[in-house]
Amino acid sequence: MGFEQLAALRDQLAAERAARDGHGKNTQDKPAKTGKNDADRPRAAKPAQARKDERPEGKPRRTQDEARKKPQGQKRPAPQGKPQQPETPRDPLLVAIGRLQHAFPKAFPKKPAPRVALKLGIVEDLYAHAAKLRLSEEEIKAAIAAWCSVGRYWAALSKEAVRVDLNGEPSGTVTAAEAGHASFLARQQRKKAQAAAKAQAPAAQDAAAPPAAPAADSSAEAPAADEATISVSADEADDTVGSSGS
């Protein structure tokens, strides 16, 4: 190879080196293109406080109290269950007797235990417990009168029967006169019950009799029905009065 060819080769290599150096410098000066637009790049998330503070213009900010309140919409109707039946008012006399039985069960026993003869003057003893019983003196007096005015109590007033105080301790006995008066009151009560049963028997018989039944058959059955009604009504009257006291 001659000197001319070596010089030409040298110039060619120098030109190629200069071209490579110039291309690398231009690449460093210009940022590389990624092929993505700025709109495609993800934006940095704003702080939570900044997002919270952003409000449309003209719209006032809600306070914490207003935010806690529920929106005032239409209230849902309450579920309709079974209608509550009104409570039947209790007889004040039965309430008073019930309190006596709860406070002094030995002097005022509950059914089916028989009643006992009470100490004379027991009303005055009960006045001392009026506050405990939550009863007035008039209510106590009315309760004792009702308790001692039924056949179950009169049955306890037999001759020489032991009277008891509020604690059930003996306190006197029933005299013969007191026992006779109690027996008289029991007979009067039974007569009144029988008279009331007789007065109600014709109406009950007419309602129970069939309309097409002959008159002879109706008259023949009348005595038997009358006697049965009297017997049952007398017993029911005694139990009704007694249950009102207990």
C-alpha atoms as a PDB file:
ATOM      1  CA  MET A   1       0.000   0.000   0.000  1.00  0.00           C
ATOM      2  CA  GLY A   2       1.341   3.352  -0.924  1.00  0.00           C
ATOM      3  CA  PHE A   3       1.574   6.528   1.057  1.00  0.00           C
ATOM      4  CA  GLU A   4      -1.333   7.999  -0.857  1.00  0.00           C
ATOM      5  CA  GLN A   5      -3.642   5.140   0.132  1.00  0.00           C
ATOM      6  CA  LEU A   6      -2.615   5.350   3.824  1.00  0.00           C
ATOM      7  CA  ALA A   7      -3.295   9.062   3.892  1.00  0.00           C
ATOM      8  CA  ALA A   8      -6.743   8.539   2.353  1.00  0.00           C
ATOM      9  CA  LEU A   9      -7.561   5.826   4.919  1.00  0.00           C
ATOM     10  CA  ARG A  10      -6.411   8.107   7.742  1.00  0.00           C
ATOM     11  CA  ASP A  11      -8.622  10.942   6.547  1.00  0.00           C
ATOM     12  CA  GLN A  12     -11.587   8.568   6.258  1.00  0.00           C
ATOM     13  CA  LEU A  13     -11.160   7.277   9.844  1.00  0.00           C
ATOM     14  CA  ALA A  14     -10.831  10.816  11.184  1.00  0.00           C
ATOM     15  CA  ALA A  15     -14.032  11.825   9.418  1.00  0.00           C
ATOM     16  CA  GLU A  16     -15.910   8.852  10.849  1.00  0.00           C
ATOM     17  CA  ARG A  17     -14.608   9.645  14.391  1.00  0.00           C
ATOM     18  CA  ALA A  18     -15.703  13.261  14.041  1.00  0.00           C
ATOM     19  CA  ALA A  19     -19.120  12.165  12.855  1.00  0.00           C
ATOM     20  CA  ARG A  20     -19.535   9.842  15.841  1.00  0.00           C
ATOM     21  CA  ASP A  21     -18.425  12.538  18.307  1.00  0.00           C
ATOM     22  CA  GLY A  22     -20.857  15.063  16.882  1.00  0.00           C
ATOM     23  CA  HIS A  23     -23.805  12.636  17.025  1.00  0.00           C
ATOM     24  CA  GLY A  24     -23.148  11.812  20.704  1.00  0.00           C
ATOM     25  CA  LYS A  25     -23.010  15.506  21.651  1.00  0.00           C
ATOM     26  CA  ASN A  26     -26.354  16.226  20.004  1.00  0.00           C
ATOM     27  CA  THR A  27     -27.912  13.266  21.843  1.00  0.00           C
ATOM     28  CA  GLN A  28     -26.788  14.595  25.244  1.00  0.00           C
ATOM     29  CA  ASP A  29     -28.099  18.097  24.540  1.00  0.00           C
ATOM     30  CA  LYS A  30     -31.576  16.982  23.468  1.00  0.00           C
ATOM     31  CA  PRO A  31     -33.822  14.948  25.880  1.00  0.00           C
ATOM     32  CA  ALA A  32     -34.815  11.568  24.625  1.00  0.00           C
ATOM     33  CA  LYS A  33     -38.394  11.298  23.418  1.00  0.00           C
ATOM     34  CA  THR A  34     -40.445   8.670  25.143  1.00  0.00           C
ATOM     35  CA  GLY A  35     -43.328   8.762  22.761  1.00  0.00           C
ATOM     36  CA  LYS A  36     -45.839   9.739  25.417  1.00  0.00           C
ATOM     37  CA  ASN A  37     -47.718  13.027  25.697  1.00  0.00           C
ATOM     38  CA  ASP A  38     -47.838  15.096  28.854  1.00  0.00           C
ATOM     39  CA  ALA A  39     -51.495  14.275  29.240  1.00  0.00           C
ATOM     40  CA  ASP A  40     -50.645  10.589  29.522  1.00  0.00           C
ATOM     41  CA  ARG A  41     -48.220  11.122  32.352  1.00  0.00           C
ATOM     42  CA  PRO A  42     -49.642  10.395  35.858  1.00  0.00           C
ATOM     43  CA  ARG A  43     -50.127  13.459  37.950  1.00  0.00           C
ATOM     44  CA  ALA A  44     -48.996  13.581  41.542  1.00  0.00           C
ATOM     45  CA  ALA A  45     -51.890  13.170  43.997  1.00  0.00           C
ATOM     46  CA  LYS A  46     -52.828  16.275  45.897  1.00  0.00           C
ATOM     47  CA  PRO A  47     -52.799  16.148  49.685  1.00  0.00           C
ATOM     48  CA  ALA A  48     -56.046  15.138  51.390  1.00  0.00           C
ATOM     49  CA  GLN A  49     -56.366  18.533  53.063  1.00  0.00           C
ATOM     50  CA  ALA A  50     -56.093  20.313  49.685  1.00  0.00           C
ATOM     51  CA  ARG A  51     -58.845  18.143  48.179  1.00  0.00           C
ATOM     52  CA  LYS A  52     -61.031  18.744  51.232  1.00  0.00           C
ATOM     53  CA  ASP A  53     -60.605  22.504  51.027  1.00  0.00           C
ATOM     54  CA  GLU A  54     -61.590  22.676  47.366  1.00  0.00           C
ATOM     55  CA  ARG A  55     -65.203  23.874  47.175  1.00  0.00           C
ATOM     56  CA  PRO A  56     -67.160  25.266  44.219  1.00  0.00           C
ATOM     57  CA  GLU A  57     -67.366  29.011  44.257  1.00  0.00           C
ATOM     58  CA  GLY A  58     -70.561  30.347  45.826  1.00  0.00           C
ATOM     59  CA  LYS A  59     -71.264  27.205  47.882  1.00  0.00           C
ATOM     60  CA  PRO A  60     -70.813  27.673  51.668  1.00  0.00           C
ATOM     61  CA  ARG A  61     -68.870  25.101  53.590  1.00  0.00           C
ATOM     62  CA  ARG A  62     -70.918  22.853  55.898  1.00  0.00           C
ATOM     63  CA  THR A  63     -70.006  22.954  59.540  1.00  0.00           C
ATOM     64  CA  GLN A  64     -69.312  19.808  61.532  1.00  0.00           C
ATOM     65  CA  ASP A  65     -72.689  20.003  63.299  1.00  0.00           C
ATOM     66  CA  GLU A  66     -74.534  20.273  59.999  1.00  0.00           C
ATOM     67  CA  ALA A  67     -72.529  17.410  58.538  1.00  0.00           C
ATOM     68  CA  ARG A  68     -73.441  15.141  61.438  1.00  0.00           C
ATOM     69  CA  LYS A  69     -77.136  15.770  61.002  1.00  0.00           C
ATOM     70  CA  LYS A  70     -78.992  13.249  58.930  1.00  0.00           C
ATOM     71  CA  PRO A  71     -80.761  14.553  55.829  1.00  0.00           C
ATOM     72  CA  GLN A  72     -84.280  15.571  56.610  1.00  0.00           C
ATOM     73  CA  GLY A  73     -86.227  13.186  54.473  1.00  0.00           C
ATOM     74  CA  GLN A  74     -89.519  11.484  54.895  1.00  0.00           C
ATOM     75  CA  LYS A  75     -89.561   9.312  57.988  1.00  0.00           C
ATOM     76  CA  ARG A  76     -90.347   5.701  57.534  1.00  0.00           C
ATOM     77  CA  PRO A  77     -93.629   4.657  59.095  1.00  0.00           C
ATOM     78  CA  ALA A  78     -93.247   2.603  62.230  1.00  0.00           C
ATOM     79  CA  PRO A  79     -94.048  -1.090  61.787  1.00  0.00           C
ATOM     80  CA  GLN A  80     -97.604  -1.762  62.709  1.00  0.00           C
ATOM     81  CA  GLY A  81     -97.830  -4.595  65.168  1.00  0.00           C
ATOM     82  CA  LYS A  82    -100.739  -5.854  67.142  1.00  0.00           C
ATOM     83  CA  PRO A  83    -102.793  -3.045  68.668  1.00  0.00           C
ATOM     84  CA  GLN A  84    -102.169  -2.719  72.362  1.00  0.00           C
ATOM     85  CA  GLN A  85    -105.233  -3.385  74.396  1.00  0.00           C
ATOM     86  CA  PRO A  86    -105.960  -0.797  77.077  1.00  0.00           C
ATOM     87  CA  GLU A  87    -105.313  -2.030  80.569  1.00  0.00           C
ATOM     88  CA  THR A  88    -108.399  -2.697  82.614  1.00  0.00           C
ATOM     89  CA  PRO A  89    -108.427  -0.396  85.645  1.00  0.00           C
ATOM     90  CA  ARG A  90    -108.077  -2.354  88.882  1.00  0.00           C
ATOM     91  CA  ASP A  91    -110.523  -1.986  91.734  1.00  0.00           C
ATOM     92  CA  PRO A  92    -108.840   0.122  94.472  1.00  0.00           C
ATOM     93  CA  LEU A  93    -110.456  -2.109  97.083  1.00  0.00           C
ATOM     94  CA  LEU A  94    -108.834  -5.219  95.598  1.00  0.00           C
ATOM     95  CA  VAL A  95    -105.504  -3.406  95.412  1.00  0.00           C
ATOM     96  CA  ALA A  96    -105.709  -2.550  99.124  1.00  0.00           C
ATOM     97  CA  ILE A  97    -106.612  -6.131 100.090  1.00  0.00           C
ATOM     98  CA  GLY A  98    -103.755  -7.431  97.962  1.00  0.00           C
ATOM     99  CA  ARG A  99    -101.296  -5.245  99.855  1.00  0.00           C
ATOM    100  CA  LEU A 100    -102.635  -6.530 103.182  1.00  0.00           C
ATOM    101  CA  GLN A 101    -102.152 -10.113 102.024  1.00  0.00           C
ATOM    102  CA  HIS A 102     -98.610  -9.391 100.867  1.00  0.00           C
ATOM    103  CA  ALA A 103     -97.587  -7.621 104.093  1.00  0.00           C
ATOM    104  CA  PHE A 104     -99.401  -9.889 106.587  1.00  0.00           C
ATOM    105  CA  PRO A 105     -99.998 -13.300 104.972  1.00  0.00           C
ATOM    106  CA  LYS A 106    -100.806 -15.046 108.287  1.00  0.00           C
ATOM    107  CA  ALA A 107    -103.654 -12.664 109.089  1.00  0.00           C
ATOM    108  CA  PHE A 108    -104.893 -12.361 105.498  1.00  0.00           C
ATOM    109  CA  PRO A 109    -104.261 -15.740 103.807  1.00  0.00           C
ATOM    110  CA  LYS A 110    -104.866 -16.263 100.108  1.00  0.00           C
ATOM    111  CA  LYS A 111    -107.100 -18.890  98.554  1.00  0.00           C
ATOM    112  CA  PRO A 112    -107.509 -21.793  98.969  1.00  0.00           C
ATOM    113  CA  ALA A 113    -106.470 -21.372 102.607  1.00  0.00           C
ATOM    114  CA  PRO A 114    -109.444 -20.623 104.914  1.00  0.00           C
ATOM    115  CA  ARG A 115    -109.734 -17.209 106.511  1.00  0.00           C
ATOM    116  CA  VAL A 116    -109.014 -16.753 110.195  1.00  0.00           C
ATOM    117  CA  ALA A 117    -110.768 -14.733 112.888  1.00  0.00           C
ATOM    118  CA  LEU A 118    -109.006 -11.401 113.309  1.00  0.00           C
ATOM    119  CA  LYS A 119    -108.144  -9.666 116.537  1.00  0.00           C
ATOM    120  CA  LEU A 120    -110.642  -7.071 117.727  1.00  0.00           C
ATOM    121  CA  GLY A 121    -109.254  -3.622 116.980  1.00  0.00           C
ATOM    122  CA  ILE A 122    -106.929  -4.825 114.240  1.00  0.00           C
ATOM    123  CA  VAL A 123    -107.854  -1.764 112.196  1.00  0.00           C
ATOM    124  CA  GLU A 124    -106.008   0.468 114.649  1.00  0.00           C
ATOM    125  CA  ASP A 125    -102.958  -1.807 114.388  1.00  0.00           C
ATOM    126  CA  LEU A 126    -103.007  -1.414 110.608  1.00  0.00           C
ATOM    127  CA  TYR A 127    -103.090   2.376 110.869  1.00  0.00           C
ATOM    128  CA  ALA A 128     -99.559   2.232 112.257  1.00  0.00           C
ATOM    129  CA  HIS A 129     -98.446   0.513 109.014  1.00  0.00           C
ATOM    130  CA  ALA A 130    -100.271   2.900 106.657  1.00  0.00           C
ATOM    131  CA  ALA A 131     -97.039   4.311 105.237  1.00  0.00           C
ATOM    132  CA  LYS A 132     -95.616   0.829 104.643  1.00  0.00           C
ATOM    133  CA  LEU A 133     -98.827  -0.303 102.969  1.00  0.00           C
ATOM    134  CA  ARG A 134     -99.124   2.950 101.002  1.00  0.00           C
ATOM    135  CA  LEU A 135    -102.764   3.151 102.054  1.00  0.00           C
ATOM    136  CA  SER A 136    -104.764   5.831 103.797  1.00  0.00           C
ATOM    137  CA  GLU A 137    -106.801   5.138 106.926  1.00  0.00           C
ATOM    138  CA  GLU A 138    -110.018   5.266 104.892  1.00  0.00           C
ATOM    139  CA  GLU A 139    -108.621   2.687 102.425  1.00  0.00           C
ATOM    140  CA  ILE A 140    -107.555   0.410 105.284  1.00  0.00           C
ATOM    141  CA  LYS A 141    -110.963   0.662 106.933  1.00  0.00           C
ATOM    142  CA  ALA A 142    -112.761  -0.114 103.648  1.00  0.00           C
ATOM    143  CA  ALA A 143    -110.477  -3.104 102.967  1.00  0.00           C
ATOM    144  CA  ILE A 144    -111.108  -4.641 106.423  1.00  0.00           C
ATOM    145  CA  ALA A 145    -114.859  -4.095 106.057  1.00  0.00           C
ATOM    146  CA  ALA A 146    -114.853  -5.937 102.722  1.00  0.00           C
ATOM    147  CA  TRP A 147    -112.629  -8.721 104.088  1.00  0.00           C
ATOM    148  CA  CYS A 148    -114.942  -9.367 107.044  1.00  0.00           C
ATOM    149  CA  SER A 149    -118.225  -9.162 105.098  1.00  0.00           C
ATOM    150  CA  VAL A 150    -118.202 -12.472 103.210  1.00  0.00           C
ATOM    151  CA  GLY A 151    -119.203 -16.033 103.993  1.00  0.00           C
ATOM    152  CA  ARG A 152    -115.608 -17.300 104.060  1.00  0.00           C
ATOM    153  CA  TYR A 153    -114.796 -15.009 106.990  1.00  0.00           C
ATOM    154  CA  TRP A 154    -118.050 -15.681 108.841  1.00  0.00           C
ATOM    155  CA  ALA A 155    -117.303 -19.417 108.646  1.00  0.00           C
ATOM    156  CA  ALA A 156    -114.136 -18.757 110.683  1.00  0.00           C
ATOM    157  CA  LEU A 157    -116.125 -17.099 113.514  1.00  0.00           C
ATOM    158  CA  SER A 158    -117.141 -20.258 115.300  1.00  0.00           C
ATOM    159  CA  LYS A 159    -117.580 -20.327 119.074  1.00  0.00           C
ATOM    160  CA  GLU A 160    -114.241 -20.326 120.962  1.00  0.00           C
ATOM    161  CA  ALA A 161    -112.265 -19.875 117.724  1.00  0.00           C
ATOM    162  CA  VAL A 162    -108.876 -18.222 118.267  1.00  0.00           C
ATOM    163  CA  ARG A 163    -108.448 -14.689 116.991  1.00  0.00           C
ATOM    164  CA  VAL A 164    -105.043 -13.681 115.610  1.00  0.00           C
ATOM    165  CA  ASP A 165    -103.119 -10.430 115.262  1.00  0.00           C
ATOM    166  CA  LEU A 166    -101.215  -9.203 112.195  1.00  0.00           C
ATOM    167  CA  ASN A 167     -98.383 -11.688 112.822  1.00  0.00           C
ATOM    168  CA  GLY A 168    -100.739 -14.650 113.256  1.00  0.00           C
ATOM    169  CA  GLU A 169    -100.271 -14.797 117.028  1.00  0.00           C
ATOM    170  CA  PRO A 170    -103.309 -15.620 119.240  1.00  0.00           C
ATOM    171  CA  SER A 171    -105.164 -12.579 120.532  1.00  0.00           C
ATOM    172  CA  GLY A 172    -108.516 -13.500 122.094  1.00  0.00           C
ATOM    173  CA  THR A 173    -111.306 -15.876 121.152  1.00  0.00           C
ATOM    174  CA  VAL A 174    -114.714 -15.665 119.453  1.00  0.00           C
ATOM    175  CA  THR A 175    -117.612 -15.444 121.903  1.00  0.00           C
ATOM    176  CA  ALA A 176    -120.906 -17.267 121.524  1.00  0.00           C
ATOM    177  CA  ALA A 177    -122.707 -14.016 120.690  1.00  0.00           C
ATOM    178  CA  GLU A 178    -120.170 -13.179 117.995  1.00  0.00           C
ATOM    179  CA  ALA A 179    -120.465 -16.657 116.519  1.00  0.00           C
ATOM    180  CA  GLY A 180    -124.278 -16.417 116.487  1.00  0.00           C
ATOM    181  CA  HIS A 181    -124.178 -13.025 114.749  1.00  0.00           C
ATOM    182  CA  ALA A 182    -121.801 -14.389 112.102  1.00  0.00           C
ATOM    183  CA  SER A 183    -124.140 -17.359 111.495  1.00  0.00           C
ATOM    184  CA  PHE A 184    -127.063 -14.958 111.129  1.00  0.00           C
ATOM    185  CA  LEU A 185    -125.185 -12.855 108.566  1.00  0.00           C
ATOM    186  CA  ALA A 186    -124.308 -15.989 106.568  1.00  0.00           C
ATOM    187  CA  ARG A 187    -127.971 -17.071 106.443  1.00  0.00           C
ATOM    188  CA  GLN A 188    -129.061 -13.612 105.318  1.00  0.00           C
ATOM    189  CA  GLN A 189    -126.497 -13.672 102.537  1.00  0.00           C
ATOM    190  CA  ARG A 190    -127.710 -17.075 101.305  1.00  0.00           C
ATOM    191  CA  LYS A 191    -131.328 -15.878 101.296  1.00  0.00           C
ATOM    192  CA  LYS A 192    -130.444 -12.837  99.224  1.00  0.00           C
ATOM    193  CA  ALA A 193    -128.533 -15.009  96.766  1.00  0.00           C
ATOM    194  CA  GLN A 194    -131.482 -17.385  96.420  1.00  0.00           C
ATOM    195  CA  ALA A 195    -133.923 -14.508  95.916  1.00  0.00           C
ATOM    196  CA  ALA A 196    -131.713 -13.031  93.190  1.00  0.00           C
ATOM    197  CA  ALA A 197    -131.443 -16.430  91.512  1.00  0.00           C
ATOM    198  CA  LYS A 198    -135.236 -16.856  91.511  1.00  0.00           C
ATOM    199  CA  ALA A 199    -135.704 -13.429  89.968  1.00  0.00           C
ATOM    200  CA  GLN A 200    -133.277 -14.263  87.157  1.00  0.00           C
ATOM    201  CA  ALA A 201    -134.570 -17.805  86.555  1.00  0.00           C
ATOM    202  CA  PRO A 202    -137.622 -16.914  84.341  1.00  0.00           C
ATOM    203  CA  ALA A 203    -135.549 -14.712  82.026  1.00  0.00           C
ATOM    204  CA  ALA A 204    -132.836 -17.339  81.707  1.00  0.00           C
ATOM    205  CA  GLN A 205    -135.422 -20.058  81.106  1.00  0.00           C
ATOM    206  CA  ASP A 206    -137.158 -18.070  78.336  1.00  0.00           C
ATOM    207  CA  ALA A 207    -133.850 -17.400  76.599  1.00  0.00           C
ATOM    208  CA  ALA A 208    -132.794 -21.063  76.743  1.00  0.00           C
ATOM    209  CA  ALA A 209    -136.161 -22.575  75.730  1.00  0.00           C
ATOM    210  CA  PRO A 210    -136.553 -23.374  71.981  1.00  0.00           C
ATOM    211  CA  PRO A 211    -139.170 -21.147  70.286  1.00  0.00           C
ATOM    212  CA  ALA A 212    -141.004 -24.085  68.649  1.00  0.00           C
ATOM    213  CA  ALA A 213    -141.270 -26.152  71.839  1.00  0.00           C
ATOM    214  CA  PRO A 214    -144.836 -26.873  73.069  1.00  0.00           C
ATOM    215  CA  ALA A 215    -146.046 -25.002  76.110  1.00  0.00           C
ATOM    216  CA  ALA A 216    -146.652 -28.251  78.030  1.00  0.00           C
ATOM    217  CA  ASP A 217    -143.031 -29.355  77.670  1.00  0.00           C
ATOM    218  CA  SER A 218    -141.747 -25.948  78.748  1.00  0.00           C
ATOM    219  CA  SER A 219    -143.866 -25.893  81.899  1.00  0.00           C
ATOM    220  CA  ALA A 220    -142.839 -29.444  82.776  1.00  0.00           C
ATOM    221  CA  GLU A 221    -139.128 -28.585  82.671  1.00  0.00           C
ATOM    222  CA  ALA A 222    -139.462 -25.314  84.551  1.00  0.00           C
ATOM    223  CA  PRO A 223    -139.200 -26.617  88.145  1.00  0.00           C
ATOM    224  CA  ALA A 224    -136.037 -28.649  87.496  1.00  0.00           C
ATOM    225  CA  ALA A 225    -134.293 -25.763  85.743  1.00  0.00           C
ATOM    226  CA  ASP A 226    -135.386 -23.386  88.509  1.00  0.00           C
ATOM    227  CA  GLU A 227    -133.951 -25.530  91.269  1.00  0.00           C
ATOM    228  CA  ALA A 228    -130.633 -26.032  89.453  1.00  0.00           C
ATOM    229  CA  THR A 229    -130.277 -22.318  88.797  1.00  0.00           C
ATOM    230  CA  ILE A 230    -130.930 -21.459  92.440  1.00  0.00           C
ATOM    231  CA  SER A 231    -128.377 -23.979  93.684  1.00  0.00           C
ATOM    232  CA  VAL A 232    -125.614 -22.883  91.305  1.00  0.00           C
ATOM    233  CA  SER A 233    -126.270 -19.172  91.717  1.00  0.00           C
ATOM    234  CA  ALA A 234    -126.094 -19.363  95.504  1.00  0.00           C
ATOM    235  CA  ASP A 235    -122.699 -21.051  95.379  1.00  0.00           C
ATOM    236  CA  GLU A 236    -121.399 -18.653  92.738  1.00  0.00           C
ATOM    237  CA  ALA A 237    -122.525 -15.640  94.747  1.00  0.00           C
ATOM    238  CA  ASP A 238    -120.561 -16.800  97.779  1.00  0.00           C
ATOM    239  CA  ASP A 239    -117.446 -17.475  95.700  1.00  0.00           C
ATOM    240  CA  THR A 240    -117.744 -14.138  93.910  1.00  0.00           C
ATOM    241  CA  VAL A 241    -117.874 -12.158  97.132  1.00  0.00           C
ATOM    242  CA  GLY A 242    -115.028 -14.175  98.575  1.00  0.00           C
ATOM    243  CA  SER A 243    -112.824 -13.739  95.504  1.00  0.00           C
ATOM    244  CA  SER A 244    -113.330  -9.987  95.590  1.00  0.00           C
ATOM    245  CA  GLY A 245    -111.892  -9.944  99.094  1.00  0.00           C
ATOM    246  CA  SER A 246    -108.889 -12.082  98.278  1.00  0.00           C
END
